[in-house]
Full PDB file with SEQRES, HELIX, SHEET, SSBOND, CRYST1, ORIGX, SCALE, CONECT and MASTER records, all heavy atoms in Angstrom:
SEQRES   1 A   32  ALA ASN GLU TYR ASN LYS LYS GLY ARG TRP LEU LEU ILE          
SEQRES   2 A   32  GLY THR THR ASN ILE ASP ALA GLY THR PRO VAL ILE TRP          
SEQRES   3 A   32  ASN MET GLY GLN ILE ALA                                      
HELIX    1 AA1 ASN A    2  LYS A    7  1                                   6    
HELIX    2 AA2 MET A   28  ILE A   31  1                                   4    
SHEET    1 AA1 2 LEU A  12  ASN A  17  0                                        
SHEET    2 AA1 2 THR A  22  ASN A  27 -1                                        
CRYST1    1.000    1.000    1.000  90.00  90.00  90.00 P 1           1          
ORIGX1      1.000000  0.000000  0.000000        0.00000                         
ORIGX2      0.000000  1.000000  0.000000        0.00000                         
ORIGX3      0.000000  0.000000  1.000000        0.00000                         
SCALE1      1.000000  0.000000  0.000000        0.00000                         
SCALE2      0.000000  1.000000  0.000000        0.00000                         
SCALE3      0.000000  0.000000  1.000000        0.00000                         
ATOM      1  N   ALA A   1      84.470 116.048  97.033  1.00  0.00           N  
ATOM      2  CA  ALA A   1      85.185 116.660  98.162  1.00  0.00           C  
ATOM      3  C   ALA A   1      84.213 117.203  99.204  1.00  0.00           C  
ATOM      4  O   ALA A   1      84.437 117.054 100.417  1.00  0.00           O  
ATOM      5  CB  ALA A   1      86.096 117.775  97.651  1.00  0.00           C  
ATOM      6  N   ASN A   2      83.126 117.824  98.766  1.00  0.00           N  
ATOM      7  CA  ASN A   2      82.145 118.380  99.699  1.00  0.00           C  
ATOM      8  C   ASN A   2      81.494 117.286 100.535  1.00  0.00           C  
ATOM      9  O   ASN A   2      81.285 117.456 101.749  1.00  0.00           O  
ATOM     10  CB  ASN A   2      81.074 119.156  98.932  1.00  0.00           C  
ATOM     11  CG  ASN A   2      81.596 120.464  98.364  1.00  0.00           C  
ATOM     12  OD1 ASN A   2      82.628 120.983  98.799  1.00  0.00           O  
ATOM     13  ND2 ASN A   2      80.897 121.009  97.377  1.00  0.00           N  
ATOM     14  N   GLU A   3      81.159 116.176  99.910  1.00  0.00           N  
ATOM     15  CA  GLU A   3      80.528 115.072 100.642  1.00  0.00           C  
ATOM     16  C   GLU A   3      81.490 114.490 101.673  1.00  0.00           C  
ATOM     17  O   GLU A   3      81.078 114.096 102.774  1.00  0.00           O  
ATOM     18  CB  GLU A   3      80.081 113.980  99.657  1.00  0.00           C  
ATOM     19  CG  GLU A   3      78.961 114.396  98.720  1.00  0.00           C  
ATOM     20  CD  GLU A   3      77.691 114.776  99.463  1.00  0.00           C  
ATOM     21  OE1 GLU A   3      77.264 114.001 100.339  1.00  0.00           O  
ATOM     22  OE2 GLU A   3      77.137 115.851  99.174  1.00  0.00           O  
ATOM     23  N   TYR A   4      82.756 114.444 101.322  1.00  0.00           N  
ATOM     24  CA  TYR A   4      83.769 113.893 102.223  1.00  0.00           C  
ATOM     25  C   TYR A   4      84.022 114.834 103.399  1.00  0.00           C  
ATOM     26  O   TYR A   4      84.022 114.411 104.566  1.00  0.00           O  
ATOM     27  CB  TYR A   4      85.061 113.665 101.439  1.00  0.00           C  
ATOM     28  CG  TYR A   4      86.227 113.159 102.274  1.00  0.00           C  
ATOM     29  CD1 TYR A   4      86.221 111.879 102.820  1.00  0.00           C  
ATOM     30  CD2 TYR A   4      87.350 113.965 102.492  1.00  0.00           C  
ATOM     31  CE1 TYR A   4      87.291 111.414 103.575  1.00  0.00           C  
ATOM     32  CE2 TYR A   4      88.429 113.509 103.237  1.00  0.00           C  
ATOM     33  CZ  TYR A   4      88.394 112.227 103.774  1.00  0.00           C  
ATOM     34  OH  TYR A   4      89.455 111.776 104.522  1.00  0.00           O  
ATOM     35  N   ASN A   5      84.212 116.094 103.119  1.00  0.00           N  
ATOM     36  CA  ASN A   5      84.602 117.047 104.166  1.00  0.00           C  
ATOM     37  C   ASN A   5      83.439 117.527 105.028  1.00  0.00           C  
ATOM     38  O   ASN A   5      83.599 117.752 106.233  1.00  0.00           O  
ATOM     39  CB  ASN A   5      85.300 118.254 103.526  1.00  0.00           C  
ATOM     40  CG  ASN A   5      86.646 117.896 102.929  1.00  0.00           C  
ATOM     41  OD1 ASN A   5      87.478 117.281 103.588  1.00  0.00           O  
ATOM     42  ND2 ASN A   5      86.864 118.257 101.674  1.00  0.00           N  
ATOM     43  N   LYS A   6      82.265 117.685 104.434  1.00  0.00           N  
ATOM     44  CA  LYS A   6      81.126 118.236 105.170  1.00  0.00           C  
ATOM     45  C   LYS A   6      80.265 117.163 105.837  1.00  0.00           C  
ATOM     46  O   LYS A   6      79.643 117.415 106.870  1.00  0.00           O  
ATOM     47  CB  LYS A   6      80.274 119.090 104.240  1.00  0.00           C  
ATOM     48  CG  LYS A   6      80.991 120.333 103.718  1.00  0.00           C  
ATOM     49  CD  LYS A   6      80.100 121.151 102.790  1.00  0.00           C  
ATOM     50  CE  LYS A   6      80.828 122.394 102.285  1.00  0.00           C  
ATOM     51  NZ  LYS A   6      79.972 123.196 101.357  1.00  0.00           N  
ATOM     52  N   LYS A   7      80.213 115.980 105.223  1.00  0.00           N  
ATOM     53  CA  LYS A   7      79.355 114.916 105.754  1.00  0.00           C  
ATOM     54  C   LYS A   7      80.129 113.707 106.256  1.00  0.00           C  
ATOM     55  O   LYS A   7      79.546 112.817 106.880  1.00  0.00           O  
ATOM     56  CB  LYS A   7      78.354 114.462 104.691  1.00  0.00           C  
ATOM     57  CG  LYS A   7      77.357 115.533 104.263  1.00  0.00           C  
ATOM     58  CD  LYS A   7      76.365 114.937 103.269  1.00  0.00           C  
ATOM     59  CE  LYS A   7      75.339 115.952 102.802  1.00  0.00           C  
ATOM     60  NZ  LYS A   7      74.394 115.343 101.815  1.00  0.00           N  
ATOM     61  N   GLY A   8      81.425 113.637 105.950  1.00  0.00           N  
ATOM     62  CA  GLY A   8      82.202 112.480 106.373  1.00  0.00           C  
ATOM     63  C   GLY A   8      81.865 111.216 105.623  1.00  0.00           C  
ATOM     64  O   GLY A   8      81.984 110.113 106.159  1.00  0.00           O  
ATOM     65  N   ARG A   9      81.461 111.365 104.366  1.00  0.00           N  
ATOM     66  CA  ARG A   9      81.141 110.208 103.535  1.00  0.00           C  
ATOM     67  C   ARG A   9      82.400 109.759 102.791  1.00  0.00           C  
ATOM     68  O   ARG A   9      83.168 110.572 102.293  1.00  0.00           O  
ATOM     69  CB  ARG A   9      80.014 110.534 102.547  1.00  0.00           C  
ATOM     70  CG  ARG A   9      78.704 110.926 103.236  1.00  0.00           C  
ATOM     71  CD  ARG A   9      77.633 111.283 102.205  1.00  0.00           C  
ATOM     72  NE  ARG A   9      77.361 110.130 101.351  1.00  0.00           N  
ATOM     73  CZ  ARG A   9      77.230 110.215 100.023  1.00  0.00           C  
ATOM     74  NH1 ARG A   9      77.379 111.382  99.401  1.00  0.00           N  
ATOM     75  NH2 ARG A   9      76.975 109.139  99.318  1.00  0.00           N  
ATOM     76  N   TRP A  10      82.586 108.447 102.714  1.00  0.00           N  
ATOM     77  CA  TRP A  10      83.816 107.882 102.165  1.00  0.00           C  
ATOM     78  C   TRP A  10      83.578 107.214 100.818  1.00  0.00           C  
ATOM     79  O   TRP A  10      82.632 106.444 100.647  1.00  0.00           O  
ATOM     80  CB  TRP A  10      84.390 106.844 103.135  1.00  0.00           C  
ATOM     81  CG  TRP A  10      84.860 107.417 104.433  1.00  0.00           C  
ATOM     82  CD1 TRP A  10      84.093 107.880 105.462  1.00  0.00           C  
ATOM     83  CD2 TRP A  10      86.215 107.605 104.837  1.00  0.00           C  
ATOM     84  NE1 TRP A  10      84.881 108.335 106.483  1.00  0.00           N  
ATOM     85  CE2 TRP A  10      86.191 108.180 106.143  1.00  0.00           C  
ATOM     86  CE3 TRP A  10      87.454 107.326 104.256  1.00  0.00           C  
ATOM     87  CZ2 TRP A  10      87.355 108.476 106.848  1.00  0.00           C  
ATOM     88  CZ3 TRP A  10      88.608 107.621 104.957  1.00  0.00           C  
ATOM     89  CH2 TRP A  10      88.552 108.196 106.241  1.00  0.00           C  
ATOM     90  N   LEU A  11      84.475 107.497  99.872  1.00  0.00           N  
ATOM     91  CA  LEU A  11      84.514 106.818  98.577  1.00  0.00           C  
ATOM     92  C   LEU A  11      85.887 106.172  98.450  1.00  0.00           C  
ATOM     93  O   LEU A  11      86.909 106.863  98.394  1.00  0.00           O  
ATOM     94  CB  LEU A  11      84.285 107.814  97.433  1.00  0.00           C  
ATOM     95  CG  LEU A  11      84.473 107.273  96.004  1.00  0.00           C  
ATOM     96  CD1 LEU A  11      83.483 106.142  95.718  1.00  0.00           C  
ATOM     97  CD2 LEU A  11      84.306 108.402  94.972  1.00  0.00           C  
ATOM     98  N   LEU A  12      85.930 104.839  98.445  1.00  0.00           N  
ATOM     99  CA  LEU A  12      87.180 104.090  98.417  1.00  0.00           C  
ATOM    100  C   LEU A  12      87.245 103.218  97.167  1.00  0.00           C  
ATOM    101  O   LEU A  12      86.280 102.517  96.840  1.00  0.00           O  
ATOM    102  CB  LEU A  12      87.306 103.204  99.656  1.00  0.00           C  
ATOM    103  CG  LEU A  12      87.235 103.906 101.022  1.00  0.00           C  
ATOM    104  CD1 LEU A  12      87.295 102.872 102.144  1.00  0.00           C  
ATOM    105  CD2 LEU A  12      88.354 104.931 101.170  1.00  0.00           C  
ATOM    106  N   ILE A  13      88.373 103.278  96.470  1.00  0.00           N  
ATOM    107  CA  ILE A  13      88.575 102.501  95.248  1.00  0.00           C  
ATOM    108  C   ILE A  13      89.786 101.593  95.439  1.00  0.00           C  
ATOM    109  O   ILE A  13      90.823 102.017  95.949  1.00  0.00           O  
ATOM    110  CB  ILE A  13      88.795 103.425  94.029  1.00  0.00           C  
ATOM    111  CG1 ILE A  13      87.565 104.311  93.801  1.00  0.00           C  
ATOM    112  CG2 ILE A  13      89.111 102.593  92.772  1.00  0.00           C  
ATOM    113  CD1 ILE A  13      86.281 103.569  93.505  1.00  0.00           C  
ATOM    114  N   GLY A  14      89.655 100.349  94.992  1.00  0.00           N  
ATOM    115  CA  GLY A  14      90.730  99.384  95.143  1.00  0.00           C  
ATOM    116  C   GLY A  14      91.482  99.123  93.848  1.00  0.00           C  
ATOM    117  O   GLY A  14      90.877  98.961  92.785  1.00  0.00           O  
ATOM    118  N   THR A  15      92.817  99.125  93.934  1.00  0.00           N  
ATOM    119  CA  THR A  15      93.674  98.697  92.836  1.00  0.00           C  
ATOM    120  C   THR A  15      94.645  97.655  93.376  1.00  0.00           C  
ATOM    121  O   THR A  15      94.680  97.383  94.578  1.00  0.00           O  
ATOM    122  CB  THR A  15      94.475  99.874  92.239  1.00  0.00           C  
ATOM    123  OG1 THR A  15      95.360 100.403  93.247  1.00  0.00           O  
ATOM    124  CG2 THR A  15      93.551 100.980  91.745  1.00  0.00           C  
ATOM    125  N   THR A  16      95.448  97.084  92.489  1.00  0.00           N  
ATOM    126  CA  THR A  16      96.476  96.131  92.897  1.00  0.00           C  
ATOM    127  C   THR A  16      97.848  96.648  92.487  1.00  0.00           C  
ATOM    128  O   THR A  16      98.086  96.910  91.300  1.00  0.00           O  
ATOM    129  CB  THR A  16      96.245  94.754  92.250  1.00  0.00           C  
ATOM    130  OG1 THR A  16      94.979  94.229  92.673  1.00  0.00           O  
ATOM    131  CG2 THR A  16      97.341  93.774  92.661  1.00  0.00           C  
ATOM    132  N   ASN A  17      98.732  96.835  93.456  1.00  0.00           N  
ATOM    133  CA  ASN A  17     100.133  97.148  93.175  1.00  0.00           C  
ATOM    134  C   ASN A  17     100.790  95.832  92.780  1.00  0.00           C  
ATOM    135  O   ASN A  17     101.103  95.003  93.632  1.00  0.00           O  
ATOM    136  CB  ASN A  17     100.800  97.752  94.410  1.00  0.00           C  
ATOM    137  CG  ASN A  17     102.285  98.024  94.204  1.00  0.00           C  
ATOM    138  OD1 ASN A  17     102.890  97.579  93.223  1.00  0.00           O  
ATOM    139  ND2 ASN A  17     102.877  98.749  95.134  1.00  0.00           N  
ATOM    140  N   ILE A  18     100.971  95.646  91.497  1.00  0.00           N  
ATOM    141  CA  ILE A  18     101.424  94.339  91.029  1.00  0.00           C  
ATOM    142  C   ILE A  18     102.909  94.123  91.298  1.00  0.00           C  
ATOM    143  O   ILE A  18     103.390  92.990  91.317  1.00  0.00           O  
ATOM    144  CB  ILE A  18     101.089  94.158  89.532  1.00  0.00           C  
ATOM    145  CG1 ILE A  18     100.995  92.673  89.186  1.00  0.00           C  
ATOM    146  CG2 ILE A  18     102.057  94.899  88.641  1.00  0.00           C  
ATOM    147  CD1 ILE A  18     100.352  92.376  87.858  1.00  0.00           C  
ATOM    148  N   ASP A  19     103.665  95.212  91.521  1.00  0.00           N  
ATOM    149  CA  ASP A  19     105.067  95.069  91.934  1.00  0.00           C  
ATOM    150  C   ASP A  19     105.139  94.407  93.309  1.00  0.00           C  
ATOM    151  O   ASP A  19     105.899  93.464  93.529  1.00  0.00           O  
ATOM    152  CB  ASP A  19     105.760  96.435  92.004  1.00  0.00           C  
ATOM    153  CG  ASP A  19     105.904  97.097  90.648  1.00  0.00           C  
ATOM    154  OD1 ASP A  19     106.229  96.388  89.684  1.00  0.00           O  
ATOM    155  OD2 ASP A  19     105.699  98.320  90.556  1.00  0.00           O  
ATOM    156  N   ALA A  20     104.352  94.936  94.233  1.00  0.00           N  
ATOM    157  CA  ALA A  20     104.359  94.432  95.613  1.00  0.00           C  
ATOM    158  C   ALA A  20     103.431  93.244  95.796  1.00  0.00           C  
ATOM    159  O   ALA A  20     103.530  92.519  96.794  1.00  0.00           O  
ATOM    160  CB  ALA A  20     103.965  95.550  96.575  1.00  0.00           C  
ATOM    161  N   GLY A  21     102.515  93.047  94.842  1.00  0.00           N  
ATOM    162  CA  GLY A  21     101.560  91.948  94.963  1.00  0.00           C  
ATOM    163  C   GLY A  21     100.559  92.172  96.079  1.00  0.00           C  
ATOM    164  O   GLY A  21     100.116  91.211  96.722  1.00  0.00           O  
ATOM    165  N   THR A  22     100.183  93.442  96.302  1.00  0.00           N  
ATOM    166  CA  THR A  22      99.297  93.767  97.419  1.00  0.00           C  
ATOM    167  C   THR A  22      98.161  94.686  96.977  1.00  0.00           C  
ATOM    168  O   THR A  22      98.310  95.472  96.034  1.00  0.00           O  
ATOM    169  CB  THR A  22     100.067  94.477  98.547  1.00  0.00           C  
ATOM    170  OG1 THR A  22     100.697  95.665  98.025  1.00  0.00           O  
ATOM    171  CG2 THR A  22     101.136  93.566  99.122  1.00  0.00           C  
ATOM    172  N   PRO A  23      97.019  94.613  97.677  1.00  0.00           N  
ATOM    173  CA  PRO A  23      95.919  95.529  97.386  1.00  0.00           C  
ATOM    174  C   PRO A  23      96.207  96.919  97.949  1.00  0.00           C  
ATOM    175  O   PRO A  23      96.883  97.063  98.969  1.00  0.00           O  
ATOM    176  CB  PRO A  23      94.732  94.878  98.109  1.00  0.00           C  
ATOM    177  CG  PRO A  23      95.354  94.123  99.242  1.00  0.00           C  
ATOM    178  CD  PRO A  23      96.684  93.637  98.737  1.00  0.00           C  
ATOM    179  N   VAL A  24      95.683  97.921  97.269  1.00  0.00           N  
ATOM    180  CA  VAL A  24      95.795  99.309  97.717  1.00  0.00           C  
ATOM    181  C   VAL A  24      94.407  99.925  97.679  1.00  0.00           C  
ATOM    182  O   VAL A  24      93.673  99.767  96.702  1.00  0.00           O  
ATOM    183  CB  VAL A  24      96.751 100.125  96.819  1.00  0.00           C  
ATOM    184  CG1 VAL A  24      96.793 101.586  97.255  1.00  0.00           C  
ATOM    185  CG2 VAL A  24      98.154  99.531  96.842  1.00  0.00           C  
ATOM    186  N   ILE A  25      94.032 100.614  98.753  1.00  0.00           N  
ATOM    187  CA  ILE A  25      92.751 101.318  98.807  1.00  0.00           C  
ATOM    188  C   ILE A  25      93.025 102.817  98.774  1.00  0.00           C  
ATOM    189  O   ILE A  25      93.814 103.332  99.568  1.00  0.00           O  
ATOM    190  CB  ILE A  25      91.960 100.946 100.072  1.00  0.00           C  
ATOM    191  CG1 ILE A  25      91.532  99.480 100.018  1.00  0.00           C  
ATOM    192  CG2 ILE A  25      90.737 101.839 100.230  1.00  0.00           C  
ATOM    193  CD1 ILE A  25      90.796  99.004 101.248  1.00  0.00           C  
ATOM    194  N   TRP A  26      92.376 103.503  97.844  1.00  0.00           N  
ATOM    195  CA  TRP A  26      92.574 104.934  97.660  1.00  0.00           C  
ATOM    196  C   TRP A  26      91.404 105.712  98.255  1.00  0.00           C  
ATOM    197  O   TRP A  26      90.239 105.393  97.989  1.00  0.00           O  
ATOM    198  CB  TRP A  26      92.703 105.270  96.182  1.00  0.00           C  
ATOM    199  CG  TRP A  26      93.840 104.590  95.477  1.00  0.00           C  
ATOM    200  CD1 TRP A  26      93.850 103.312  94.975  1.00  0.00           C  
ATOM    201  CD2 TRP A  26      95.131 105.144  95.184  1.00  0.00           C  
ATOM    202  NE1 TRP A  26      95.056 103.046  94.387  1.00  0.00           N  
ATOM    203  CE2 TRP A  26      95.871 104.154  94.497  1.00  0.00           C  
ATOM    204  CE3 TRP A  26      95.726 106.389  95.417  1.00  0.00           C  
ATOM    205  CZ2 TRP A  26      97.174 104.362  94.049  1.00  0.00           C  
ATOM    206  CZ3 TRP A  26      97.022 106.592  94.967  1.00  0.00           C  
ATOM    207  CH2 TRP A  26      97.736 105.602  94.302  1.00  0.00           C  
ATOM    208  N   ASN A  27      91.722 106.741  99.015  1.00  0.00           N  
ATOM    209  CA  ASN A  27      90.715 107.628  99.600  1.00  0.00           C  
ATOM    210  C   ASN A  27      90.398 108.721  98.588  1.00  0.00           C  
ATOM    211  O   ASN A  27      91.073 109.751  98.518  1.00  0.00           O  
ATOM    212  CB  ASN A  27      91.242 108.228 100.903  1.00  0.00           C  
ATOM    213  CG  ASN A  27      90.214 109.080 101.626  1.00  0.00           C  
ATOM    214  OD1 ASN A  27      89.215 109.503 101.046  1.00  0.00           O  
ATOM    215  ND2 ASN A  27      90.460 109.354 102.892  1.00  0.00           N  
ATOM    216  N   MET A  28      89.354 108.498  97.802  1.00  0.00           N  
ATOM    217  CA  MET A  28      89.042 109.399  96.692  1.00  0.00           C  
ATOM    218  C   MET A  28      88.521 110.751  97.172  1.00  0.00           C  
ATOM    219  O   MET A  28      88.703 111.778  96.500  1.00  0.00           O  
ATOM    220  CB  MET A  28      88.030 108.736  95.756  1.00  0.00           C  
ATOM    221  CG  MET A  28      88.446 107.360  95.262  1.00  0.00           C  
ATOM    222  SD  MET A  28      90.008 107.351  94.349  1.00  0.00           S  
ATOM    223  CE  MET A  28      89.430 107.810  92.711  1.00  0.00           C  
ATOM    224  N   GLY A  29      87.877 110.776  98.331  1.00  0.00           N  
ATOM    225  CA  GLY A  29      87.412 112.037  98.893  1.00  0.00           C  
ATOM    226  C   GLY A  29      88.567 112.948  99.256  1.00  0.00           C  
ATOM    227  O   GLY A  29      88.527 114.164  99.023  1.00  0.00           O  
ATOM    228  N   GLN A  30      89.605 112.365  99.816  1.00  0.00           N  
ATOM    229  CA  GLN A  30      90.776 113.146 100.185  1.00  0.00           C  
ATOM    230  C   GLN A  30      91.506 113.651  98.943  1.00  0.00           C  
ATOM    231  O   GLN A  30      91.979 114.786  98.901  1.00  0.00           O  
ATOM    232  CB  GLN A  30      91.724 112.309 101.046  1.00  0.00           C  
ATOM    233  CG  GLN A  30      92.898 113.099 101.604  1.00  0.00           C  
ATOM    234  CD  GLN A  30      93.642 112.325 102.675  1.00  0.00           C  
ATOM    235  OE1 GLN A  30      93.091 111.426 103.288  1.00  0.00           O  
ATOM    236  NE2 GLN A  30      94.892 112.679 102.890  1.00  0.00           N  
ATOM    237  N   ILE A  31      91.603 112.801  97.926  1.00  0.00           N  
ATOM    238  CA  ILE A  31      92.230 113.214  96.668  1.00  0.00           C  
ATOM    239  C   ILE A  31      91.440 114.345  96.029  1.00  0.00           C  
ATOM    240  O   ILE A  31      92.002 115.343  95.565  1.00  0.00           O  
ATOM    241  CB  ILE A  31      92.336 112.013  95.712  1.00  0.00           C  
ATOM    242  CG1 ILE A  31      93.309 110.974  96.271  1.00  0.00           C  
ATOM    243  CG2 ILE A  31      92.771 112.459  94.317  1.00  0.00           C  
ATOM    244  CD1 ILE A  31      93.299 109.652  95.545  1.00  0.00           C  
ATOM    245  N   ALA A  32      90.110 114.218  96.029  1.00  0.00           N  
ATOM    246  CA  ALA A  32      89.256 115.259  95.450  1.00  0.00           C  
ATOM    247  C   ALA A  32      89.401 116.574  96.192  1.00  0.00           C  
ATOM    248  O   ALA A  32      89.297 117.653  95.604  1.00  0.00           O  
ATOM    249  CB  ALA A  32      87.798 114.800  95.458  1.00  0.00           C  
TER     250      ALA A  32                                                      
MASTER        0    0    0    2    2    0    0    6  249    1    0    3          
END                                                                             
């Protein structure tokens, strides 16, 4: 969270929503 909020560094993780058949990118810094 500190790296995201203080430095603007991004950590993005990809999963697949298999119901929709589409990729999803999660903003892990925002979640943290």
